[in-house]
N, C-alpha and C. Protein backbone atom coordinates (compact mmCIF):
# COMPACT_ATOMS: atom_id res chain seq x y z
N UNK A 1 35.71 -3.54 13.14
CA UNK A 1 35.00 -3.05 11.98
C UNK A 1 33.78 -3.92 11.75
N UNK A 2 32.64 -3.32 11.58
CA UNK A 2 31.45 -4.12 11.34
C UNK A 2 31.10 -4.08 9.86
N UNK A 3 30.43 -5.12 9.42
CA UNK A 3 30.02 -5.21 8.03
C UNK A 3 28.66 -5.88 7.99
N UNK A 4 28.01 -5.80 6.86
CA UNK A 4 26.69 -6.41 6.72
C UNK A 4 26.81 -7.58 5.76
N UNK A 5 26.44 -8.75 6.22
CA UNK A 5 26.45 -9.94 5.37
C UNK A 5 25.09 -10.15 4.74
N UNK A 6 24.85 -11.34 4.26
CA UNK A 6 23.58 -11.65 3.61
C UNK A 6 22.44 -11.68 4.63
N UNK A 7 21.30 -11.21 4.20
CA UNK A 7 20.09 -11.31 5.00
C UNK A 7 19.21 -12.31 4.29
N UNK A 8 18.97 -13.42 4.92
CA UNK A 8 18.30 -14.54 4.28
C UNK A 8 17.07 -14.95 5.08
N UNK A 9 15.87 -14.87 4.49
CA UNK A 9 14.69 -15.31 5.22
C UNK A 9 14.68 -16.83 5.36
N UNK A 10 14.41 -17.30 6.55
CA UNK A 10 14.35 -18.74 6.82
C UNK A 10 13.04 -19.01 7.54
N UNK A 11 12.34 -20.05 7.14
CA UNK A 11 11.11 -20.42 7.82
C UNK A 11 11.42 -21.60 8.71
N UNK A 12 11.24 -21.43 10.04
CA UNK A 12 11.51 -22.54 10.94
C UNK A 12 10.25 -23.38 11.11
N UNK A 13 10.30 -24.39 11.97
CA UNK A 13 9.17 -25.29 12.11
C UNK A 13 7.93 -24.63 12.72
N UNK A 14 8.02 -23.39 13.17
CA UNK A 14 6.85 -22.66 13.64
C UNK A 14 6.37 -21.67 12.59
N UNK A 15 6.90 -21.73 11.40
CA UNK A 15 6.59 -20.88 10.26
C UNK A 15 6.70 -19.39 10.58
N UNK A 16 7.65 -19.03 11.42
CA UNK A 16 7.94 -17.62 11.65
C UNK A 16 8.98 -17.19 10.63
N UNK A 17 8.95 -15.94 10.26
CA UNK A 17 9.95 -15.41 9.36
C UNK A 17 11.10 -14.87 10.19
N UNK A 18 12.31 -15.29 9.88
CA UNK A 18 13.47 -14.83 10.63
C UNK A 18 14.47 -14.23 9.65
N UNK A 19 15.18 -13.25 10.12
CA UNK A 19 16.22 -12.63 9.33
C UNK A 19 17.54 -12.86 10.05
N UNK A 20 18.53 -13.37 9.34
CA UNK A 20 19.85 -13.57 9.92
C UNK A 20 20.76 -12.49 9.36
N UNK A 21 21.19 -11.60 10.19
CA UNK A 21 22.06 -10.51 9.79
C UNK A 21 23.37 -10.65 10.53
N UNK A 22 24.46 -10.51 9.82
CA UNK A 22 25.77 -10.70 10.42
C UNK A 22 26.51 -9.36 10.42
N UNK A 23 26.83 -8.89 11.60
CA UNK A 23 27.67 -7.71 11.73
C UNK A 23 28.81 -8.11 12.64
N UNK A 24 29.38 -7.19 13.39
CA UNK A 24 30.47 -7.56 14.28
C UNK A 24 30.01 -8.56 15.33
N UNK A 25 28.73 -8.59 15.61
CA UNK A 25 28.16 -9.64 16.46
C UNK A 25 26.94 -10.19 15.74
N UNK A 26 26.64 -11.46 15.95
CA UNK A 26 25.52 -12.10 15.26
C UNK A 26 24.27 -11.98 16.10
N UNK A 27 23.15 -11.68 15.43
CA UNK A 27 21.88 -11.59 16.14
C UNK A 27 20.75 -12.00 15.21
N UNK A 28 19.64 -12.39 15.78
CA UNK A 28 18.45 -12.76 15.02
C UNK A 28 17.33 -11.79 15.36
N UNK A 29 16.51 -11.48 14.38
CA UNK A 29 15.31 -10.68 14.60
C UNK A 29 14.16 -11.34 13.87
N UNK A 30 13.00 -11.34 14.49
CA UNK A 30 11.82 -11.90 13.84
C UNK A 30 11.23 -10.84 12.93
N UNK A 31 10.96 -11.21 11.67
CA UNK A 31 10.33 -10.30 10.73
C UNK A 31 9.03 -10.91 10.25
N UNK A 32 7.95 -10.16 10.33
CA UNK A 32 6.72 -10.60 9.70
C UNK A 32 6.75 -10.08 8.27
N UNK A 33 5.88 -10.58 7.40
CA UNK A 33 5.90 -10.12 6.01
C UNK A 33 5.65 -8.63 5.86
N UNK A 34 5.10 -7.97 6.88
CA UNK A 34 4.74 -6.56 6.73
C UNK A 34 5.67 -5.61 7.49
N UNK A 35 6.80 -6.09 7.92
CA UNK A 35 7.75 -5.20 8.58
C UNK A 35 8.61 -4.52 7.52
N UNK A 36 7.99 -3.60 6.79
CA UNK A 36 8.66 -2.95 5.67
C UNK A 36 9.85 -2.11 6.11
N UNK A 37 9.77 -1.51 7.29
CA UNK A 37 10.86 -0.63 7.72
C UNK A 37 12.14 -1.43 7.88
N UNK A 38 12.04 -2.57 8.55
CA UNK A 38 13.23 -3.40 8.72
C UNK A 38 13.75 -3.90 7.37
N UNK A 39 12.84 -4.29 6.50
CA UNK A 39 13.24 -4.78 5.19
C UNK A 39 13.88 -3.67 4.38
N UNK A 40 13.32 -2.45 4.45
CA UNK A 40 13.92 -1.33 3.73
C UNK A 40 15.32 -1.04 4.26
N UNK A 41 15.48 -1.08 5.57
CA UNK A 41 16.79 -0.83 6.16
C UNK A 41 17.79 -1.88 5.69
N UNK A 42 17.37 -3.14 5.68
CA UNK A 42 18.25 -4.21 5.22
C UNK A 42 18.63 -4.01 3.76
N UNK A 43 17.66 -3.61 2.95
CA UNK A 43 17.95 -3.38 1.53
C UNK A 43 18.91 -2.21 1.36
N UNK A 44 18.73 -1.18 2.17
CA UNK A 44 19.63 -0.03 2.09
C UNK A 44 21.06 -0.44 2.39
N UNK A 45 21.23 -1.27 3.40
CA UNK A 45 22.57 -1.72 3.76
C UNK A 45 23.16 -2.55 2.65
N UNK A 46 22.37 -3.50 2.13
CA UNK A 46 22.88 -4.40 1.10
C UNK A 46 23.16 -3.68 -0.21
N UNK A 47 22.31 -2.78 -0.59
CA UNK A 47 22.45 -2.11 -1.87
C UNK A 47 23.27 -0.83 -1.80
N UNK A 48 23.53 -0.37 -0.60
CA UNK A 48 24.29 0.87 -0.45
C UNK A 48 23.53 2.08 -0.98
N UNK A 49 22.23 2.04 -0.91
CA UNK A 49 21.40 3.13 -1.42
C UNK A 49 20.84 3.95 -0.26
N UNK A 50 20.36 5.12 -0.59
CA UNK A 50 19.76 5.95 0.45
C UNK A 50 18.37 5.42 0.80
N UNK A 51 17.94 5.67 2.00
CA UNK A 51 16.64 5.19 2.48
C UNK A 51 15.50 5.78 1.65
N UNK A 52 15.65 7.00 1.17
CA UNK A 52 14.55 7.61 0.43
C UNK A 52 14.32 6.92 -0.91
N UNK A 53 15.37 6.47 -1.58
CA UNK A 53 15.19 5.75 -2.84
C UNK A 53 14.47 4.43 -2.62
N UNK A 54 14.88 3.72 -1.59
CA UNK A 54 14.24 2.44 -1.29
C UNK A 54 12.79 2.67 -0.87
N UNK A 55 12.55 3.72 -0.08
CA UNK A 55 11.20 4.03 0.35
C UNK A 55 10.29 4.31 -0.85
N UNK A 56 10.79 5.06 -1.84
CA UNK A 56 10.01 5.34 -3.04
C UNK A 56 9.69 4.06 -3.80
N UNK A 57 10.64 3.15 -3.87
CA UNK A 57 10.40 1.87 -4.55
C UNK A 57 9.29 1.08 -3.85
N UNK A 58 9.29 1.07 -2.53
CA UNK A 58 8.24 0.37 -1.79
C UNK A 58 6.89 1.04 -2.01
N UNK A 59 6.85 2.37 -2.05
CA UNK A 59 5.59 3.06 -2.28
C UNK A 59 5.04 2.73 -3.65
N UNK A 60 5.90 2.70 -4.66
CA UNK A 60 5.46 2.36 -6.01
C UNK A 60 4.95 0.93 -6.07
N UNK A 61 5.62 0.01 -5.39
CA UNK A 61 5.18 -1.38 -5.42
C UNK A 61 3.84 -1.55 -4.75
N UNK A 62 3.53 -0.73 -3.76
CA UNK A 62 2.25 -0.83 -3.06
C UNK A 62 1.13 -0.13 -3.83
N UNK A 63 1.46 0.66 -4.86
CA UNK A 63 0.44 1.35 -5.64
C UNK A 63 -0.51 0.36 -6.27
N UNK A 64 0.00 -0.78 -6.67
CA UNK A 64 -0.81 -1.73 -7.40
C UNK A 64 -1.31 -2.88 -6.54
N UNK A 65 -1.36 -2.68 -5.24
CA UNK A 65 -1.94 -3.69 -4.37
C UNK A 65 -2.84 -3.01 -3.36
N UNK A 66 -3.83 -3.74 -2.92
CA UNK A 66 -4.67 -3.24 -1.84
C UNK A 66 -3.87 -3.39 -0.55
N UNK A 67 -4.28 -2.70 0.45
CA UNK A 67 -3.51 -2.69 1.69
C UNK A 67 -3.71 -3.94 2.51
N UNK A 68 -2.67 -4.33 3.26
CA UNK A 68 -2.77 -5.44 4.18
C UNK A 68 -3.59 -5.08 5.41
N UNK A 69 -3.91 -3.77 5.57
CA UNK A 69 -4.68 -3.34 6.74
C UNK A 69 -6.13 -3.83 6.68
N UNK A 70 -6.61 -4.08 5.48
CA UNK A 70 -7.99 -4.47 5.31
C UNK A 70 -8.09 -5.99 5.25
N UNK A 71 -9.26 -6.50 5.57
CA UNK A 71 -9.43 -7.94 5.64
C UNK A 71 -10.37 -8.43 4.54
N UNK A 72 -10.72 -9.70 4.60
CA UNK A 72 -11.50 -10.32 3.54
C UNK A 72 -12.93 -9.79 3.43
N UNK A 73 -13.40 -9.02 4.39
CA UNK A 73 -14.74 -8.46 4.29
C UNK A 73 -14.72 -7.06 3.67
N UNK A 74 -13.66 -6.76 2.94
CA UNK A 74 -13.53 -5.48 2.25
C UNK A 74 -13.65 -5.73 0.75
N UNK A 75 -14.44 -4.88 0.10
CA UNK A 75 -14.69 -5.02 -1.32
C UNK A 75 -14.40 -3.68 -2.00
N UNK A 76 -14.13 -3.74 -3.30
CA UNK A 76 -13.72 -2.56 -4.06
C UNK A 76 -14.59 -2.39 -5.30
N UNK A 77 -14.63 -1.14 -5.78
CA UNK A 77 -15.27 -0.85 -7.06
C UNK A 77 -14.18 -0.58 -8.09
N UNK A 78 -14.55 -0.60 -9.35
CA UNK A 78 -13.58 -0.27 -10.41
C UNK A 78 -13.31 1.24 -10.44
N UNK A 79 -14.07 2.00 -9.67
CA UNK A 79 -13.83 3.44 -9.55
C UNK A 79 -12.97 3.74 -8.33
N UNK A 80 -12.47 2.70 -7.68
CA UNK A 80 -11.48 2.78 -6.59
C UNK A 80 -12.05 3.21 -5.24
N UNK A 81 -13.32 2.93 -5.00
CA UNK A 81 -13.86 3.07 -3.65
C UNK A 81 -13.78 1.69 -2.99
N UNK A 82 -13.76 1.69 -1.66
CA UNK A 82 -13.81 0.42 -0.93
C UNK A 82 -14.94 0.49 0.08
N UNK A 83 -15.41 -0.69 0.46
CA UNK A 83 -16.42 -0.79 1.51
C UNK A 83 -16.05 -1.99 2.39
N UNK A 84 -15.97 -1.73 3.67
CA UNK A 84 -15.70 -2.79 4.65
C UNK A 84 -17.04 -3.15 5.27
N UNK A 85 -17.45 -4.40 5.09
CA UNK A 85 -18.77 -4.85 5.51
C UNK A 85 -18.69 -5.60 6.83
N UNK A 86 -19.56 -5.18 7.77
CA UNK A 86 -19.69 -5.86 9.06
C UNK A 86 -21.19 -5.99 9.32
N UNK A 87 -21.74 -7.17 9.04
CA UNK A 87 -23.18 -7.37 9.15
C UNK A 87 -23.89 -6.59 8.07
N UNK A 88 -24.78 -5.67 8.48
CA UNK A 88 -25.48 -4.85 7.49
C UNK A 88 -24.96 -3.40 7.48
N UNK A 89 -23.76 -3.20 8.02
CA UNK A 89 -23.14 -1.87 8.03
C UNK A 89 -21.88 -1.90 7.19
N UNK A 90 -21.70 -0.88 6.38
CA UNK A 90 -20.49 -0.76 5.57
C UNK A 90 -19.80 0.56 5.85
N UNK A 91 -18.47 0.51 5.90
CA UNK A 91 -17.66 1.72 6.03
C UNK A 91 -17.06 1.98 4.66
N UNK A 92 -17.17 3.21 4.16
CA UNK A 92 -16.79 3.53 2.78
C UNK A 92 -15.63 4.52 2.75
N UNK A 93 -14.72 4.31 1.82
CA UNK A 93 -13.60 5.23 1.60
C UNK A 93 -13.03 5.01 0.21
N UNK A 94 -11.87 5.62 -0.04
CA UNK A 94 -11.21 5.43 -1.34
C UNK A 94 -9.94 4.60 -1.14
N UNK A 95 -9.53 3.94 -2.20
CA UNK A 95 -8.34 3.08 -2.14
C UNK A 95 -7.06 3.92 -2.15
N UNK A 96 -5.96 3.27 -1.80
CA UNK A 96 -4.66 3.94 -1.87
C UNK A 96 -4.36 4.37 -3.30
N UNK A 97 -4.76 3.55 -4.26
CA UNK A 97 -4.54 3.87 -5.67
C UNK A 97 -5.24 5.19 -6.02
N UNK A 98 -6.51 5.32 -5.61
CA UNK A 98 -7.26 6.55 -5.88
C UNK A 98 -6.62 7.74 -5.19
N UNK A 99 -6.22 7.56 -3.95
CA UNK A 99 -5.58 8.65 -3.19
C UNK A 99 -4.32 9.12 -3.90
N UNK A 100 -3.51 8.18 -4.39
CA UNK A 100 -2.27 8.56 -5.08
C UNK A 100 -2.55 9.26 -6.40
N UNK A 101 -3.57 8.82 -7.12
CA UNK A 101 -3.93 9.45 -8.39
C UNK A 101 -4.51 10.85 -8.18
N UNK A 102 -5.26 11.04 -7.10
CA UNK A 102 -5.86 12.34 -6.82
C UNK A 102 -4.83 13.36 -6.33
N UNK A 103 -3.78 12.89 -5.70
CA UNK A 103 -2.78 13.80 -5.14
C UNK A 103 -3.28 14.39 -3.83
N UNK A 104 -2.83 15.58 -3.51
CA UNK A 104 -3.24 16.22 -2.25
C UNK A 104 -4.71 16.61 -2.32
N UNK A 105 -5.49 16.04 -1.45
CA UNK A 105 -6.92 16.32 -1.40
C UNK A 105 -7.12 17.54 -0.50
N UNK A 106 -7.81 18.55 -1.03
CA UNK A 106 -7.96 19.81 -0.30
C UNK A 106 -9.41 20.10 0.10
N UNK A 107 -10.35 19.33 -0.43
CA UNK A 107 -11.76 19.62 -0.15
C UNK A 107 -12.56 18.32 -0.14
N UNK A 108 -13.39 18.16 0.87
CA UNK A 108 -14.30 17.00 0.96
C UNK A 108 -15.62 17.50 1.52
N UNK A 109 -16.71 17.15 0.86
CA UNK A 109 -18.05 17.45 1.36
C UNK A 109 -18.76 16.11 1.55
N UNK A 110 -19.04 15.77 2.78
CA UNK A 110 -19.65 14.48 3.11
C UNK A 110 -21.17 14.56 3.10
N UNK A 111 -21.84 13.42 2.93
CA UNK A 111 -23.30 13.43 2.99
C UNK A 111 -23.78 13.68 4.42
N UNK A 112 -25.06 13.86 4.57
CA UNK A 112 -25.67 14.12 5.87
C UNK A 112 -26.18 12.80 6.46
N UNK A 113 -26.01 12.63 7.77
CA UNK A 113 -26.53 11.44 8.44
C UNK A 113 -28.04 11.36 8.18
N UNK A 114 -28.50 10.19 7.79
CA UNK A 114 -29.91 9.98 7.46
C UNK A 114 -30.19 9.99 5.97
N UNK A 115 -29.27 10.57 5.16
CA UNK A 115 -29.43 10.54 3.71
C UNK A 115 -29.42 9.10 3.22
N UNK A 116 -30.16 8.85 2.15
CA UNK A 116 -30.20 7.53 1.54
C UNK A 116 -29.58 7.62 0.15
N UNK A 117 -28.72 6.64 -0.16
CA UNK A 117 -28.06 6.61 -1.46
C UNK A 117 -28.29 5.28 -2.14
N UNK A 118 -28.36 5.34 -3.45
CA UNK A 118 -28.40 4.13 -4.26
C UNK A 118 -26.99 3.82 -4.72
N UNK A 119 -26.76 2.58 -5.07
CA UNK A 119 -25.45 2.17 -5.55
C UNK A 119 -25.05 3.02 -6.75
N UNK A 120 -23.79 3.38 -6.82
CA UNK A 120 -23.19 4.17 -7.90
C UNK A 120 -23.74 5.60 -8.02
N UNK A 121 -24.32 6.13 -6.95
CA UNK A 121 -24.76 7.52 -6.93
C UNK A 121 -23.71 8.32 -6.17
N UNK A 122 -23.38 9.50 -6.71
CA UNK A 122 -22.36 10.34 -6.07
C UNK A 122 -22.74 10.60 -4.62
N UNK A 123 -21.80 10.31 -3.72
CA UNK A 123 -22.10 10.46 -2.30
C UNK A 123 -21.16 11.41 -1.58
N UNK A 124 -19.99 11.64 -2.13
CA UNK A 124 -19.00 12.53 -1.53
C UNK A 124 -18.48 13.46 -2.61
N UNK A 125 -18.41 14.75 -2.29
CA UNK A 125 -17.81 15.70 -3.22
C UNK A 125 -16.39 15.97 -2.78
N UNK A 126 -15.48 15.83 -3.71
CA UNK A 126 -14.06 16.10 -3.46
C UNK A 126 -13.49 16.58 -4.78
N UNK A 127 -12.19 16.43 -4.96
CA UNK A 127 -11.55 16.78 -6.22
C UNK A 127 -12.20 15.97 -7.34
N UNK A 128 -12.59 14.77 -7.03
CA UNK A 128 -13.24 13.87 -7.96
C UNK A 128 -14.49 13.33 -7.27
N UNK A 129 -15.48 12.91 -8.03
CA UNK A 129 -16.69 12.38 -7.43
C UNK A 129 -16.39 11.02 -6.80
N UNK A 130 -16.97 10.79 -5.65
CA UNK A 130 -16.87 9.50 -4.96
C UNK A 130 -18.28 8.92 -4.94
N UNK A 131 -18.40 7.68 -5.36
CA UNK A 131 -19.71 7.04 -5.47
C UNK A 131 -19.90 6.00 -4.39
N UNK A 132 -21.13 5.85 -3.95
CA UNK A 132 -21.44 4.83 -2.95
C UNK A 132 -21.37 3.46 -3.61
N UNK A 133 -20.57 2.54 -3.06
CA UNK A 133 -20.46 1.21 -3.66
C UNK A 133 -21.68 0.33 -3.40
N UNK A 134 -22.58 0.76 -2.51
CA UNK A 134 -23.79 -0.01 -2.20
C UNK A 134 -24.89 0.96 -1.77
N UNK A 135 -26.12 0.48 -1.84
CA UNK A 135 -27.27 1.29 -1.43
C UNK A 135 -27.45 1.23 0.08
N UNK A 136 -27.94 2.33 0.64
CA UNK A 136 -28.20 2.33 2.07
C UNK A 136 -28.39 3.73 2.62
N UNK A 137 -28.50 3.79 3.95
CA UNK A 137 -28.72 5.04 4.67
C UNK A 137 -27.47 5.39 5.46
N UNK A 138 -27.08 6.66 5.41
CA UNK A 138 -25.88 7.13 6.11
C UNK A 138 -26.13 7.09 7.61
N UNK A 139 -25.26 6.37 8.32
CA UNK A 139 -25.35 6.27 9.78
C UNK A 139 -24.42 7.25 10.48
N UNK A 140 -23.26 7.46 9.89
CA UNK A 140 -22.23 8.29 10.52
C UNK A 140 -21.29 8.80 9.43
N UNK A 141 -20.78 10.01 9.63
CA UNK A 141 -19.77 10.55 8.71
C UNK A 141 -18.50 10.83 9.50
N UNK A 142 -17.39 10.80 8.82
CA UNK A 142 -16.09 11.05 9.45
C UNK A 142 -15.76 12.54 9.30
N UNK A 143 -16.21 13.34 10.26
CA UNK A 143 -15.98 14.79 10.20
C UNK A 143 -14.51 15.16 10.28
N UNK A 144 -13.68 14.26 10.78
CA UNK A 144 -12.24 14.54 10.86
C UNK A 144 -11.65 14.81 9.48
N UNK A 145 -12.17 14.13 8.44
CA UNK A 145 -11.60 14.33 7.10
C UNK A 145 -12.02 15.66 6.48
N UNK A 146 -13.13 16.25 6.95
CA UNK A 146 -13.50 17.57 6.44
C UNK A 146 -12.67 18.66 7.12
N UNK A 147 -12.31 18.42 8.37
CA UNK A 147 -11.48 19.39 9.11
C UNK A 147 -10.02 19.31 8.69
N UNK A 148 -9.56 18.10 8.37
CA UNK A 148 -8.16 17.88 8.00
C UNK A 148 -8.12 16.86 6.86
N UNK A 149 -8.18 17.35 5.63
CA UNK A 149 -8.22 16.47 4.46
C UNK A 149 -6.94 15.66 4.27
N UNK A 150 -5.86 16.08 4.91
CA UNK A 150 -4.60 15.34 4.80
C UNK A 150 -4.71 13.93 5.38
N UNK A 151 -5.71 13.71 6.24
CA UNK A 151 -5.94 12.37 6.79
C UNK A 151 -6.20 11.38 5.66
N UNK A 152 -6.93 11.81 4.64
CA UNK A 152 -7.24 10.92 3.51
C UNK A 152 -5.96 10.53 2.80
N UNK A 153 -5.08 11.50 2.55
CA UNK A 153 -3.81 11.20 1.89
C UNK A 153 -2.92 10.33 2.76
N UNK A 154 -2.97 10.56 4.05
CA UNK A 154 -2.10 9.83 4.97
C UNK A 154 -2.58 8.40 5.19
N UNK A 155 -3.89 8.21 5.30
CA UNK A 155 -4.42 6.91 5.70
C UNK A 155 -5.79 6.64 5.06
N UNK A 156 -5.84 6.47 3.72
CA UNK A 156 -7.13 6.31 3.06
C UNK A 156 -7.88 5.03 3.44
N UNK A 157 -7.16 4.02 3.90
CA UNK A 157 -7.78 2.74 4.23
C UNK A 157 -8.06 2.56 5.71
N UNK A 158 -7.77 3.58 6.49
CA UNK A 158 -7.96 3.45 7.94
C UNK A 158 -8.66 4.70 8.47
N UNK A 159 -7.90 5.70 8.87
CA UNK A 159 -8.48 6.92 9.45
C UNK A 159 -9.19 7.78 8.41
N UNK A 160 -8.90 7.59 7.12
CA UNK A 160 -9.45 8.44 6.07
C UNK A 160 -10.77 7.96 5.49
N UNK A 161 -11.51 7.13 6.21
CA UNK A 161 -12.81 6.67 5.72
C UNK A 161 -13.78 7.85 5.64
N UNK A 162 -14.83 7.73 4.80
CA UNK A 162 -15.77 8.84 4.61
C UNK A 162 -17.05 8.70 5.44
N UNK A 163 -17.72 7.56 5.32
CA UNK A 163 -18.99 7.42 6.02
C UNK A 163 -19.32 5.95 6.29
N UNK A 164 -20.24 5.77 7.26
CA UNK A 164 -20.79 4.44 7.55
C UNK A 164 -22.21 4.42 7.00
N UNK A 165 -22.56 3.28 6.45
CA UNK A 165 -23.80 3.14 5.70
C UNK A 165 -24.54 1.88 6.18
N UNK A 166 -25.84 2.00 6.51
CA UNK A 166 -26.64 0.80 6.78
C UNK A 166 -27.07 0.28 5.41
N UNK A 167 -26.58 -0.90 5.07
CA UNK A 167 -26.82 -1.47 3.74
C UNK A 167 -28.27 -1.90 3.59
N UNK A 168 -28.90 -1.49 2.50
CA UNK A 168 -30.30 -1.86 2.26
C UNK A 168 -30.42 -3.12 1.42
N UNK A 169 -29.36 -3.51 0.71
CA UNK A 169 -29.41 -4.70 -0.14
C UNK A 169 -28.04 -5.38 -0.12
N UNK A 170 -27.87 -6.35 0.76
CA UNK A 170 -26.58 -7.04 0.91
C UNK A 170 -26.17 -7.79 -0.35
N UNK A 171 -27.12 -8.11 -1.22
CA UNK A 171 -26.78 -8.84 -2.45
C UNK A 171 -25.92 -7.99 -3.40
N UNK A 172 -25.93 -6.67 -3.23
CA UNK A 172 -25.10 -5.81 -4.08
C UNK A 172 -23.61 -6.04 -3.85
N UNK A 173 -23.25 -6.56 -2.69
CA UNK A 173 -21.84 -6.79 -2.36
C UNK A 173 -21.22 -7.80 -3.32
N UNK A 174 -22.00 -8.78 -3.77
CA UNK A 174 -21.45 -9.81 -4.67
C UNK A 174 -21.01 -9.22 -6.01
N UNK A 175 -21.50 -8.04 -6.36
CA UNK A 175 -21.11 -7.39 -7.61
C UNK A 175 -19.79 -6.62 -7.50
N UNK A 176 -19.25 -6.51 -6.28
CA UNK A 176 -18.01 -5.77 -6.06
C UNK A 176 -16.81 -6.70 -6.18
N UNK A 177 -15.62 -6.11 -6.20
CA UNK A 177 -14.38 -6.87 -6.37
C UNK A 177 -13.78 -7.27 -5.02
N UNK A 178 -13.31 -8.49 -4.93
CA UNK A 178 -12.53 -8.90 -3.76
C UNK A 178 -11.17 -8.21 -3.84
N UNK A 179 -10.39 -8.30 -2.77
CA UNK A 179 -9.05 -7.69 -2.78
C UNK A 179 -8.21 -8.27 -3.91
N UNK A 180 -8.26 -9.58 -4.09
CA UNK A 180 -7.48 -10.23 -5.15
C UNK A 180 -7.93 -9.76 -6.53
N UNK A 181 -9.23 -9.70 -6.76
CA UNK A 181 -9.76 -9.24 -8.05
C UNK A 181 -9.41 -7.78 -8.29
N UNK A 182 -9.46 -6.97 -7.23
CA UNK A 182 -9.10 -5.56 -7.36
C UNK A 182 -7.64 -5.40 -7.74
N UNK A 183 -6.76 -6.17 -7.12
CA UNK A 183 -5.34 -6.10 -7.46
C UNK A 183 -5.10 -6.51 -8.91
N UNK A 184 -5.82 -7.53 -9.39
CA UNK A 184 -5.72 -7.94 -10.79
C UNK A 184 -6.21 -6.82 -11.70
N UNK A 185 -7.30 -6.16 -11.31
CA UNK A 185 -7.83 -5.03 -12.08
C UNK A 185 -6.81 -3.91 -12.16
N UNK A 186 -6.16 -3.57 -11.05
CA UNK A 186 -5.15 -2.52 -11.05
C UNK A 186 -3.99 -2.87 -11.97
N UNK A 187 -3.56 -4.12 -11.93
CA UNK A 187 -2.46 -4.57 -12.78
C UNK A 187 -2.85 -4.46 -14.25
N UNK A 188 -4.07 -4.82 -14.59
CA UNK A 188 -4.51 -4.76 -15.98
C UNK A 188 -4.68 -3.32 -16.46
N UNK A 189 -4.94 -2.39 -15.54
CA UNK A 189 -5.12 -0.98 -15.89
C UNK A 189 -3.80 -0.27 -16.15
N UNK A 190 -2.71 -0.80 -15.61
CA UNK A 190 -1.43 -0.08 -15.73
C UNK A 190 -0.73 -0.38 -17.02
């Protein structure tokens, strides 16, 4: 008969995260902080709950945080757009929080390559207006999101980006929120 004992994170001298799970045989598995599936499974076993309930709890907890997929060169607006900056090019999209608040997105109209936008000017038409977080010229648009708007709901911080923009004024980036500041803003809004 197998059973599930305590799952206890231990940090060894290489600072790896390990999970010790005891069943009919003992085994170790390495867990990084973002292995949510393994953690959800462990919680399901320990709590005796269904996977869907635990999954919903994880989704709710992630509502108020920016994604781990983005790095320190990503900035946010208080209107829930993000821009990932690489040199003088920015990739623009909406945050997971905005995607969840909007629900199923059924329509997106992207700007035209070569169009120029000023900061805070409507740049994408969807269920709600999406504003450009910085000034610049459109270099590329993500036509995949116009053909299949579900991409935005599925992956707003990765595949669901809207457009690439050549930034005309890099100093505007300092007026945007860092990931940490954005998370604090989300917490204060709830």
